[in-house]
Amino acid sequence: MANIKSAVKRVEVTRKNTLRNAPIKTGVKTSVRKFNEADTKETAAAAFKHAVVSIDKSVAKGILHKNSAARKKSRLAKKLNKMA
């Protein structure tokens, strides 16, 4: 454990941020997984909308970088468009 006061504070702040960010990251992963598991195009389209909303919210909260979110959304859209 750190001895310097500022280092101790950074450890505590990082821990709090990690605890706050973890459920949001998990929600993004879950929504992407539900999209990947969708069997019909209609359910996939609904799951796609939900996934995009959760990704955008995580960007707004500063959890995901905007380019990372754009890449995720692009890959999902590509997959959705390939479905028959």
C-alpha atoms as a PDB file:
ATOM      1  CA  MET A   1       0.000   0.000   0.000  1.00  0.00           C
ATOM      2  CA  ALA A   2       1.149   3.506  -0.774  1.00  0.00           C
ATOM      3  CA  ASN A   3       2.544   5.733   1.975  1.00  0.00           C
ATOM      4  CA  ILE A   4       2.178   9.108   0.266  1.00  0.00           C
ATOM      5  CA  LYS A   5      -1.102  10.862   0.943  1.00  0.00           C
ATOM      6  CA  SER A   6      -1.849  11.690  -2.707  1.00  0.00           C
ATOM      7  CA  ALA A   7      -1.084   8.107  -3.753  1.00  0.00           C
ATOM      8  CA  VAL A   8      -3.407   6.766  -1.072  1.00  0.00           C
ATOM      9  CA  LYS A   9      -6.134   9.085  -2.332  1.00  0.00           C
ATOM     10  CA  ARG A  10      -5.601   7.999  -5.955  1.00  0.00           C
ATOM     11  CA  VAL A  11      -5.932   4.342  -4.927  1.00  0.00           C
ATOM     12  CA  GLU A  12      -9.226   5.106  -3.176  1.00  0.00           C
ATOM     13  CA  VAL A  13     -10.590   7.206  -6.063  1.00  0.00           C
ATOM     14  CA  THR A  14      -9.627   4.526  -8.588  1.00  0.00           C
ATOM     15  CA  ARG A  15     -11.379   1.881  -6.494  1.00  0.00           C
ATOM     16  CA  LYS A  16     -14.550   3.962  -6.319  1.00  0.00           C
ATOM     17  CA  ASN A  17     -14.490   4.653 -10.062  1.00  0.00           C
ATOM     18  CA  THR A  18     -13.976   0.972 -10.810  1.00  0.00           C
ATOM     19  CA  LEU A  19     -16.947   0.036  -8.643  1.00  0.00           C
ATOM     20  CA  ARG A  20     -19.101   2.666 -10.346  1.00  0.00           C
ATOM     21  CA  ASN A  21     -18.037   1.737 -13.892  1.00  0.00           C
ATOM     22  CA  ALA A  22     -18.188  -2.059 -13.590  1.00  0.00           C
ATOM     23  CA  PRO A  23     -21.997  -2.497 -13.794  1.00  0.00           C
ATOM     24  CA  ILE A  24     -22.216  -0.187 -16.803  1.00  0.00           C
ATOM     25  CA  LYS A  25     -19.482  -2.093 -18.650  1.00  0.00           C
ATOM     26  CA  THR A  26     -21.231  -5.339 -17.773  1.00  0.00           C
ATOM     27  CA  GLY A  27     -24.495  -3.963 -19.149  1.00  0.00           C
ATOM     28  CA  VAL A  28     -22.820  -3.142 -22.457  1.00  0.00           C
ATOM     29  CA  LYS A  29     -21.329  -6.632 -22.674  1.00  0.00           C
ATOM     30  CA  THR A  30     -24.704  -8.197 -21.857  1.00  0.00           C
ATOM     31  CA  SER A  31     -26.558  -6.193 -24.498  1.00  0.00           C
ATOM     32  CA  VAL A  32     -23.935  -7.105 -27.123  1.00  0.00           C
ATOM     33  CA  ARG A  33     -24.172 -10.773 -26.114  1.00  0.00           C
ATOM     34  CA  LYS A  34     -27.976 -10.691 -26.414  1.00  0.00           C
ATOM     35  CA  PHE A  35     -27.587  -9.242 -29.902  1.00  0.00           C
ATOM     36  CA  ASN A  36     -25.149 -12.008 -30.854  1.00  0.00           C
ATOM     37  CA  GLU A  37     -27.513 -14.675 -29.518  1.00  0.00           C
ATOM     38  CA  ALA A  38     -30.558 -13.325 -31.391  1.00  0.00           C
ATOM     39  CA  ASP A  39     -31.981 -15.932 -33.739  1.00  0.00           C
ATOM     40  CA  THR A  40     -34.231 -13.859 -36.020  1.00  0.00           C
ATOM     41  CA  LYS A  41     -33.576 -10.553 -37.741  1.00  0.00           C
ATOM     42  CA  GLU A  42     -36.440  -8.894 -35.816  1.00  0.00           C
ATOM     43  CA  THR A  43     -35.102  -9.858 -32.405  1.00  0.00           C
ATOM     44  CA  ALA A  44     -31.602  -8.930 -33.556  1.00  0.00           C
ATOM     45  CA  ALA A  45     -32.846  -5.483 -34.634  1.00  0.00           C
ATOM     46  CA  ALA A  46     -34.452  -4.908 -31.232  1.00  0.00           C
ATOM     47  CA  ALA A  47     -31.307  -6.117 -29.463  1.00  0.00           C
ATOM     48  CA  PHE A  48     -29.219  -3.876 -31.745  1.00  0.00           C
ATOM     49  CA  LYS A  49     -31.187  -0.797 -30.676  1.00  0.00           C
ATOM     50  CA  HIS A  50     -30.758  -1.690 -27.007  1.00  0.00           C
ATOM     51  CA  ALA A  51     -27.024  -2.342 -27.476  1.00  0.00           C
ATOM     52  CA  VAL A  52     -26.490   0.988 -29.249  1.00  0.00           C
ATOM     53  CA  VAL A  53     -28.298   2.866 -26.468  1.00  0.00           C
ATOM     54  CA  SER A  54     -26.215   1.193 -23.752  1.00  0.00           C
ATOM     55  CA  ILE A  55     -22.988   1.859 -25.683  1.00  0.00           C
ATOM     56  CA  ASP A  56     -23.916   5.531 -26.172  1.00  0.00           C
ATOM     57  CA  LYS A  57     -24.757   5.925 -22.479  1.00  0.00           C
ATOM     58  CA  SER A  58     -21.390   4.482 -21.487  1.00  0.00           C
ATOM     59  CA  VAL A  59     -19.677   7.009 -23.773  1.00  0.00           C
ATOM     60  CA  ALA A  60     -21.686   9.856 -22.241  1.00  0.00           C
ATOM     61  CA  LYS A  61     -20.574   8.749 -18.787  1.00  0.00           C
ATOM     62  CA  GLY A  62     -16.941   8.563 -19.882  1.00  0.00           C
ATOM     63  CA  ILE A  63     -16.593   4.819 -19.479  1.00  0.00           C
ATOM     64  CA  LEU A  64     -15.967   3.959 -23.135  1.00  0.00           C
ATOM     65  CA  HIS A  65     -13.947   6.034 -25.581  1.00  0.00           C
ATOM     66  CA  LYS A  66     -16.034   7.391 -28.455  1.00  0.00           C
ATOM     67  CA  ASN A  67     -13.918   5.635 -31.090  1.00  0.00           C
ATOM     68  CA  SER A  68     -14.206   2.339 -29.248  1.00  0.00           C
ATOM     69  CA  ALA A  69     -17.976   2.774 -29.095  1.00  0.00           C
ATOM     70  CA  ALA A  70     -18.132   3.642 -32.793  1.00  0.00           C
ATOM     71  CA  ARG A  71     -16.154   0.498 -33.607  1.00  0.00           C
ATOM     72  CA  LYS A  72     -18.491  -1.676 -31.512  1.00  0.00           C
ATOM     73  CA  LYS A  73     -21.603  -0.154 -33.094  1.00  0.00           C
ATOM     74  CA  SER A  74     -20.156  -0.526 -36.581  1.00  0.00           C
ATOM     75  CA  ARG A  75     -19.404  -4.203 -36.041  1.00  0.00           C
ATOM     76  CA  LEU A  76     -22.901  -4.815 -34.698  1.00  0.00           C
ATOM     77  CA  ALA A  77     -24.493  -2.970 -37.636  1.00  0.00           C
ATOM     78  CA  LYS A  78     -22.387  -4.974 -40.089  1.00  0.00           C
ATOM     79  CA  LYS A  79     -23.519  -8.202 -38.459  1.00  0.00           C
ATOM     80  CA  LEU A  80     -27.160  -7.074 -38.490  1.00  0.00           C
ATOM     81  CA  ASN A  81     -27.002  -6.199 -42.190  1.00  0.00           C
ATOM     82  CA  LYS A  82     -25.512  -9.615 -43.029  1.00  0.00           C
ATOM     83  CA  MET A  83     -28.475 -11.417 -41.469  1.00  0.00           C
ATOM     84  CA  ALA A  84     -30.976 -12.780 -43.966  1.00  0.00           C
END
